[in-house]
Amino acid sequence: MDSDVKAFPTTIRQQSASPIPSKVEDEGNPSTPSLSTEAAQRPKVRFDSPSVFVKTFLARFASIWTRRFTLSLLAGQLVSLCITCTNVTTTELVKRGWALPTTQTSFL
């Protein structure tokens, strides 16, 4: 039985009826990355009670806001703003009879 557990550590976790793995299962799993690595795991949301749910949900939500995610979000908003400005400018120029396709797309 012990050889089956060592050979297939994820099988026990998949068969567990509880959504929260026990500490014993986590300690014996060498494939679980440590939290000291650069990309730390996000905490699990627990459904034990409403207060525990809110606390774990907020902890998980806070774990999303890394420097990389924030910069990616801001870069996406900048690209979106550039696309919007290009479309508005192109529409206004076409309404006034201008046709400058190269100039209109250079900003984008």
Protein backbone atom coordinates (compact mmCIF):
# COMPACT_ATOMS: atom_id res chain seq x y z
CA MET A 1 0.00 0.00 0.00
CA ASP A 2 2.83 2.43 0.82
CA SER A 3 4.45 1.83 -2.57
CA ASP A 4 1.17 2.81 -4.28
CA VAL A 5 1.02 6.06 -2.31
CA LYS A 6 4.60 7.00 -3.22
CA ALA A 7 4.15 6.03 -6.86
CA PHE A 8 0.93 8.04 -7.30
CA PRO A 9 0.85 10.97 -4.83
CA THR A 10 -1.82 12.85 -6.78
CA THR A 11 -4.21 9.89 -6.63
CA ILE A 12 -4.81 10.38 -2.91
CA ARG A 13 -5.47 14.09 -3.37
CA GLN A 14 -7.88 13.47 -6.23
CA GLN A 15 -9.84 10.89 -4.22
CA SER A 16 -10.10 13.10 -1.15
CA ALA A 17 -13.67 14.08 -0.32
CA SER A 18 -12.56 17.28 1.41
CA PRO A 19 -11.78 20.31 -0.80
CA ILE A 20 -9.01 21.22 1.64
CA PRO A 21 -6.00 18.85 1.55
CA SER A 22 -4.59 17.85 4.91
CA LYS A 23 -1.10 18.85 6.02
CA VAL A 24 0.06 15.23 5.86
CA GLU A 25 -0.71 15.02 2.15
CA ASP A 26 1.09 18.30 1.39
CA GLU A 27 4.25 17.42 3.33
CA GLY A 28 4.77 14.12 1.53
CA ASN A 29 4.35 15.50 -1.99
CA PRO A 30 7.74 16.47 -3.47
CA SER A 31 6.14 17.86 -6.64
CA THR A 32 4.50 20.71 -4.70
CA PRO A 33 6.61 23.85 -5.29
CA SER A 34 7.76 25.67 -2.21
CA LEU A 35 6.32 29.07 -1.37
CA SER A 36 9.81 30.59 -1.31
CA THR A 37 10.07 30.37 -5.10
CA GLU A 38 9.51 33.45 -7.24
CA ALA A 39 6.03 32.38 -8.36
CA ALA A 40 4.29 31.56 -5.07
CA GLN A 41 1.09 29.53 -5.12
CA ARG A 42 -2.19 31.32 -4.63
CA PRO A 43 -3.96 30.45 -1.38
CA LYS A 44 -6.99 28.22 -1.56
CA VAL A 45 -10.49 29.52 -0.89
CA ARG A 46 -12.12 27.71 2.03
CA PHE A 47 -15.86 27.29 2.48
CA ASP A 48 -15.98 26.40 6.19
CA SER A 49 -17.96 29.48 7.23
CA PRO A 50 -18.84 32.86 5.73
CA SER A 51 -16.09 34.65 7.66
CA VAL A 52 -13.44 32.09 6.64
CA PHE A 53 -14.67 32.28 3.05
CA VAL A 54 -14.37 36.08 2.94
CA LYS A 55 -10.94 36.01 4.59
CA THR A 56 -9.52 33.35 2.23
CA PHE A 57 -11.19 34.93 -0.81
CA LEU A 58 -9.61 38.31 -0.04
CA ALA A 59 -6.23 36.66 0.52
CA ARG A 60 -6.51 34.93 -2.87
CA PHE A 61 -7.62 38.16 -4.57
CA ALA A 62 -4.69 40.05 -3.02
CA SER A 63 -2.27 37.38 -4.27
CA ILE A 64 -3.20 38.24 -7.88
CA TRP A 65 -1.88 41.79 -7.64
CA THR A 66 1.80 41.19 -8.32
CA ARG A 67 4.07 43.73 -9.98
CA ARG A 68 4.04 41.76 -13.24
CA PHE A 69 0.22 41.54 -13.32
CA THR A 70 -0.20 45.24 -12.55
CA LEU A 71 2.25 46.29 -15.27
CA SER A 72 0.56 43.95 -17.77
CA LEU A 73 -2.82 45.40 -16.90
CA LEU A 74 -1.55 48.97 -17.35
CA ALA A 75 0.14 48.08 -20.66
CA GLY A 76 -3.12 46.57 -21.92
CA GLN A 77 -5.02 49.71 -20.97
CA LEU A 78 -2.45 51.84 -22.81
CA VAL A 79 -2.82 49.74 -25.97
CA SER A 80 -6.61 49.98 -25.67
CA LEU A 81 -6.39 53.77 -25.36
CA CYS A 82 -4.13 53.95 -28.44
CA ILE A 83 -6.58 51.85 -30.49
CA THR A 84 -9.51 54.01 -29.38
CA CYS A 85 -7.66 57.26 -30.21
CA THR A 86 -6.69 55.92 -33.62
CA ASN A 87 -10.29 54.94 -34.42
CA VAL A 88 -11.73 58.27 -33.28
CA THR A 89 -9.08 60.24 -35.17
CA THR A 90 -9.59 58.19 -38.33
CA THR A 91 -13.36 58.67 -38.16
CA GLU A 92 -13.03 62.44 -37.72
CA LEU A 93 -10.52 62.74 -40.58
CA VAL A 94 -12.73 60.72 -42.93
CA LYS A 95 -15.74 62.91 -42.06
CA ARG A 96 -13.72 65.96 -43.11
CA GLY A 97 -12.53 64.44 -46.37
CA TRP A 98 -8.96 63.52 -45.41
CA ALA A 99 -7.40 60.21 -46.43
CA LEU A 100 -4.05 59.60 -44.71
CA PRO A 101 -3.89 55.83 -44.12
CA THR A 102 -0.16 55.72 -43.28
CA THR A 103 -0.35 58.63 -40.88
CA GLN A 104 -3.52 57.35 -39.25
CA THR A 105 -2.02 53.97 -38.36
CA SER A 106 1.49 55.11 -37.40
CA PHE A 107 0.47 56.02 -33.84
CA LEU A 108 -0.94 52.57 -33.26
